[in-house]
Amino acid sequence: MDITEYIERKKALESFVTQNGSQIVKDYVKKFMAENPEICVVRWAQYTPYFNDGEACVFSVCEPHFLLRPASETDMTASVWDGGDWMQPGWRSPDSRDLAMRELTNNFTSTLSDLLESVFGDHIEVFITRNGDDVMVETREFAHD
């Protein structure tokens, strides 16, 4: 492969992601929710830190949290954390028993990180909510240190 072919393939992939990335993510989470009907909302933050104690500041997707009941307005606006070490009522972080949640988490935080950045951007919080047989995607700016 020469450099011209590489550039053409890279442009084709970028075009594919631009045109289809949002639907790919939506369909992936929709399938996940269909297979896990107890989950009503998947929520995560993704950002590049402003400071990393002398290390390179690199974009990453944070571990998702899962709401196991229909969302209230407070669920969608308040922090997942209560300001201490406890998560707000209803939200769950995956543990080793939650194989489906662990798989989605691992895919989001590693394999799909570039796709999620391309689709949603940087310094953003994403909420994907069950909406009947479909899902609804909402984003908001994410403030962090």
Protein backbone atom coordinates (compact mmCIF):
# COMPACT_ATOMS: atom_id res chain seq x y z
CA MET A 1 0.00 0.00 0.00
CA ASP A 2 1.36 3.40 -0.85
CA ILE A 3 0.62 6.70 0.88
CA THR A 4 -2.02 7.71 -1.67
CA GLU A 5 -4.05 4.56 -1.01
CA TYR A 6 -3.71 5.12 2.75
CA ILE A 7 -4.98 8.70 2.44
CA GLU A 8 -7.91 7.63 0.25
CA ARG A 9 -8.91 4.87 2.70
CA LYS A 10 -8.61 7.23 5.66
CA LYS A 11 -10.82 9.82 3.95
CA ALA A 12 -13.36 7.12 3.07
CA LEU A 13 -13.49 5.94 6.70
CA GLU A 14 -13.86 9.51 7.98
CA SER A 15 -16.70 10.08 5.51
CA PHE A 16 -18.38 6.83 6.59
CA VAL A 17 -18.17 7.82 10.27
CA THR A 18 -19.49 11.31 9.55
CA GLN A 19 -22.47 9.90 7.65
CA ASN A 20 -23.22 6.83 9.79
CA GLY A 21 -21.49 7.16 13.17
CA SER A 22 -24.45 8.56 15.09
CA GLN A 23 -26.76 5.81 13.84
CA ILE A 24 -24.16 3.13 14.60
CA VAL A 25 -23.91 4.27 18.24
CA LYS A 26 -27.67 4.65 18.57
CA ASP A 27 -28.30 1.16 17.12
CA TYR A 28 -25.64 -0.39 19.37
CA VAL A 29 -27.18 1.06 22.54
CA LYS A 30 -30.71 0.31 21.32
CA LYS A 31 -29.75 -3.38 20.90
CA PHE A 32 -28.06 -3.34 24.32
CA MET A 33 -31.22 -1.93 25.93
CA ALA A 34 -33.44 -4.44 24.14
CA GLU A 35 -31.30 -7.23 25.57
CA ASN A 36 -31.26 -5.57 29.03
CA PRO A 37 -34.82 -4.29 29.56
CA GLU A 38 -34.11 -3.22 33.15
CA ILE A 39 -31.84 -0.41 31.89
CA CYS A 40 -33.65 2.84 31.09
CA VAL A 41 -30.74 5.26 30.59
CA VAL A 42 -27.04 4.95 29.73
CA ARG A 43 -25.01 8.02 30.67
CA TRP A 44 -21.32 8.85 30.27
CA ALA A 45 -18.91 11.76 30.00
CA GLN A 46 -16.12 12.06 27.47
CA TYR A 47 -13.40 14.68 27.45
CA THR A 48 -9.75 15.60 27.22
CA PRO A 49 -8.44 16.76 30.60
CA TYR A 50 -7.06 20.29 30.79
CA PHE A 51 -4.20 19.19 33.04
CA ASN A 52 -2.69 15.78 33.70
CA ASP A 53 0.17 16.44 36.15
CA GLY A 54 2.79 16.74 33.42
CA GLU A 55 1.53 13.80 31.36
CA ALA A 56 -0.08 14.16 27.95
CA CYS A 57 -3.74 15.20 28.04
CA VAL A 58 -5.54 12.52 26.03
CA PHE A 59 -9.23 12.22 25.15
CA SER A 60 -11.06 9.43 26.93
CA VAL A 61 -14.55 8.11 27.48
CA CYS A 62 -15.49 7.71 31.14
CA GLU A 63 -17.16 4.59 32.48
CA PRO A 64 -20.89 4.71 31.72
CA HIS A 65 -23.53 4.66 34.41
CA PHE A 66 -26.88 2.93 34.07
CA LEU A 67 -30.29 4.01 35.38
CA LEU A 68 -32.55 1.10 36.26
CA ARG A 69 -35.83 3.03 36.35
CA PRO A 70 -37.52 5.69 34.19
CA ALA A 71 -35.60 8.96 34.37
CA SER A 72 -36.77 12.01 36.26
CA GLU A 73 -35.65 15.55 35.46
CA THR A 74 -33.25 15.40 38.40
CA ASP A 75 -31.67 12.22 37.02
CA MET A 76 -30.91 14.00 33.77
CA THR A 77 -29.52 17.21 35.28
CA ALA A 78 -27.82 16.28 38.56
CA SER A 79 -24.43 14.70 38.87
CA VAL A 80 -24.41 10.93 39.12
CA TRP A 81 -22.38 11.39 42.30
CA ASP A 82 -23.86 12.98 45.43
CA GLY A 83 -20.69 14.95 46.14
CA GLY A 84 -19.23 12.18 48.25
CA ASP A 85 -18.53 8.56 47.55
CA TRP A 86 -22.12 7.53 46.90
CA MET A 87 -23.95 7.39 43.63
CA GLN A 88 -27.36 9.05 43.33
CA PRO A 89 -30.27 6.62 43.87
CA GLY A 90 -31.12 4.53 40.82
CA TRP A 91 -27.79 4.91 39.00
CA ARG A 92 -25.44 1.94 38.77
CA SER A 93 -21.89 1.49 37.79
CA PRO A 94 -21.15 -1.94 36.31
CA ASP A 95 -19.48 -4.55 38.47
CA SER A 96 -18.02 -7.93 37.59
CA ARG A 97 -21.45 -9.61 37.73
CA ASP A 98 -22.92 -7.32 35.08
CA LEU A 99 -21.43 -8.93 31.99
CA ALA A 100 -23.51 -6.94 29.48
CA MET A 101 -22.74 -3.65 31.26
CA ARG A 102 -19.04 -4.56 31.44
CA GLU A 103 -18.96 -5.35 27.72
CA LEU A 104 -20.60 -2.05 26.78
CA THR A 105 -18.26 -0.22 29.19
CA ASN A 106 -15.17 -1.88 27.75
CA ASN A 107 -16.28 -1.13 24.19
CA PHE A 108 -17.02 2.51 25.01
CA THR A 109 -13.82 3.16 26.93
CA SER A 110 -11.50 1.45 24.45
CA THR A 111 -12.64 0.09 21.08
CA LEU A 112 -15.30 2.73 20.35
CA SER A 113 -13.61 5.74 21.93
CA ASP A 114 -12.59 7.29 18.57
CA LEU A 115 -16.10 6.74 17.18
CA LEU A 116 -17.72 8.36 20.24
CA GLU A 117 -15.39 11.35 19.98
CA SER A 118 -16.20 11.74 16.27
CA VAL A 119 -19.94 11.49 16.87
CA PHE A 120 -20.38 13.54 20.06
CA GLY A 121 -17.22 15.62 20.39
CA ASP A 122 -15.09 16.60 23.37
CA HIS A 123 -16.10 17.92 26.81
CA ILE A 124 -19.56 16.41 26.55
CA GLU A 125 -21.92 14.26 28.57
CA VAL A 126 -24.15 11.85 26.66
CA PHE A 127 -27.51 10.42 27.75
CA ILE A 128 -29.18 7.65 25.77
CA THR A 129 -32.70 7.04 27.06
CA ARG A 130 -35.12 4.25 26.28
CA ASN A 131 -38.07 5.68 24.33
CA GLY A 132 -40.51 2.83 23.70
CA ASP A 133 -38.80 0.51 21.21
CA ASP A 134 -36.36 3.25 20.23
CA VAL A 135 -33.77 5.35 22.05
CA MET A 136 -33.31 9.10 22.36
CA VAL A 137 -29.86 10.72 22.45
CA GLU A 138 -29.20 13.92 24.39
CA THR A 139 -25.91 15.69 24.99
CA ARG A 140 -24.79 18.56 27.15
CA GLU A 141 -21.54 20.33 27.84
CA PHE A 142 -19.49 18.62 30.53
CA ALA A 143 -17.59 20.78 33.00
CA HIS A 144 -14.54 19.14 34.55
CA ASP A 145 -11.17 20.00 36.07
